[in-house]
Amino acid sequence: MRRAIDLADILPQNPGPDRISFVFEAEASVHFVLLHTRSATSWMNPGCIFACLDAGGSTVDTTMYECVSLDPLKLVEVTGSECAHAGG
């Protein structure tokens, strides 16, 4: 994916290794919720452990995260992702 971004020439030349970060789909869902809801910031704080459930398509994925810091947002997996082929 990083190579595709380079080939698409959408970033300045040599943007630096920290300019682009890739996350797993479940973590991307967490970032989306935090960006688009106000209630998320009322419970999310360092030390908070929470579950993310992605039930869509043909799979149900669950992951547990711990919030390490808010600024910048840093999450670590408490348990590895589990995937069940169910749904759709």
Protein backbone atom coordinates (compact mmCIF):
# COMPACT_ATOMS: atom_id res chain seq x y z
CA MET A 1 0.00 0.00 0.00
CA ARG A 2 2.84 2.36 0.80
CA ARG A 3 4.32 1.68 -2.66
CA ALA A 4 0.94 2.41 -4.28
CA ILE A 5 0.80 5.75 -2.47
CA ASP A 6 4.30 6.56 -3.71
CA LEU A 7 3.35 5.62 -7.27
CA ALA A 8 0.16 7.70 -7.09
CA ASP A 9 2.33 10.71 -6.19
CA ILE A 10 -0.18 12.07 -3.67
CA LEU A 11 2.39 13.08 -1.04
CA PRO A 12 5.45 15.30 -1.29
CA GLN A 13 8.69 13.55 -2.20
CA ASN A 14 10.33 11.82 0.80
CA PRO A 15 7.55 12.60 3.29
CA GLY A 16 9.25 10.73 6.13
CA PRO A 17 8.44 7.39 7.73
CA ASP A 18 5.87 8.81 10.20
CA ARG A 19 3.78 10.61 7.60
CA ILE A 20 1.68 7.53 6.81
CA SER A 21 0.51 4.93 9.33
CA PHE A 22 -1.47 1.80 8.62
CA VAL A 23 -3.87 0.32 11.18
CA PHE A 24 -6.03 -2.78 11.22
CA GLU A 25 -9.67 -2.41 10.22
CA ALA A 26 -10.95 -2.69 13.82
CA GLU A 27 -8.65 0.11 14.98
CA ALA A 28 -9.75 2.23 12.02
CA SER A 29 -13.34 1.78 13.24
CA VAL A 30 -12.33 3.10 16.67
CA HIS A 31 -10.72 6.17 15.09
CA PHE A 32 -13.88 6.76 13.02
CA VAL A 33 -16.12 6.61 16.09
CA LEU A 34 -13.88 8.96 18.05
CA LEU A 35 -13.82 11.44 15.18
CA HIS A 36 -17.56 11.41 14.51
CA THR A 37 -19.13 11.18 17.98
CA ARG A 38 -19.01 13.40 21.03
CA SER A 39 -19.85 10.72 23.58
CA ALA A 40 -16.68 8.74 22.89
CA THR A 41 -14.50 11.38 24.51
CA SER A 42 -16.50 11.17 27.75
CA TRP A 43 -15.38 7.59 28.48
CA MET A 44 -12.08 7.24 26.60
CA ASN A 45 -9.10 7.98 28.82
CA PRO A 46 -5.67 6.43 29.45
CA GLY A 47 -6.04 3.02 31.08
CA CYS A 48 -9.51 2.45 29.62
CA ILE A 49 -9.99 -1.05 28.17
CA PHE A 50 -12.78 -1.51 25.65
CA ALA A 51 -14.02 -3.93 23.00
CA CYS A 52 -14.56 -3.18 19.34
CA LEU A 53 -17.06 -5.31 17.46
CA ASP A 54 -17.27 -5.09 13.67
CA ALA A 55 -20.35 -7.01 12.53
CA GLY A 56 -20.70 -6.52 8.83
CA GLY A 57 -20.34 -8.30 5.55
CA SER A 58 -19.71 -11.98 6.07
CA THR A 59 -17.61 -11.84 9.25
CA VAL A 60 -17.90 -10.68 12.85
CA ASP A 61 -14.60 -9.38 14.21
CA THR A 62 -13.86 -8.55 17.85
CA THR A 63 -10.80 -6.91 19.36
CA MET A 64 -10.06 -5.50 22.81
CA TYR A 65 -7.95 -2.37 23.14
CA GLU A 66 -6.39 -0.35 25.91
CA CYS A 67 -6.05 3.41 25.54
CA VAL A 68 -2.44 4.31 26.34
CA SER A 69 -2.67 8.03 25.58
CA LEU A 70 -5.13 10.50 24.08
CA ASP A 71 -2.78 13.10 22.58
CA PRO A 72 -1.57 11.56 20.41
CA LEU A 73 -4.11 8.75 20.44
CA LYS A 74 -2.32 5.48 21.09
CA LEU A 75 -4.14 2.16 21.40
CA VAL A 76 -2.70 -1.27 22.07
CA GLU A 77 -4.43 -4.61 21.59
CA VAL A 78 -5.22 -6.33 24.87
CA THR A 79 -6.24 -9.49 23.05
CA GLY A 80 -5.68 -10.51 19.47
CA SER A 81 -8.50 -10.10 16.99
CA GLU A 82 -11.02 -12.91 16.70
CA CYS A 83 -12.97 -13.48 13.52
CA ALA A 84 -16.10 -15.59 13.03
CA HIS A 85 -17.50 -16.29 9.59
CA ALA A 86 -21.09 -15.27 10.17
CA GLY A 87 -23.53 -12.71 8.85
CA GLY A 88 -24.34 -11.38 5.39
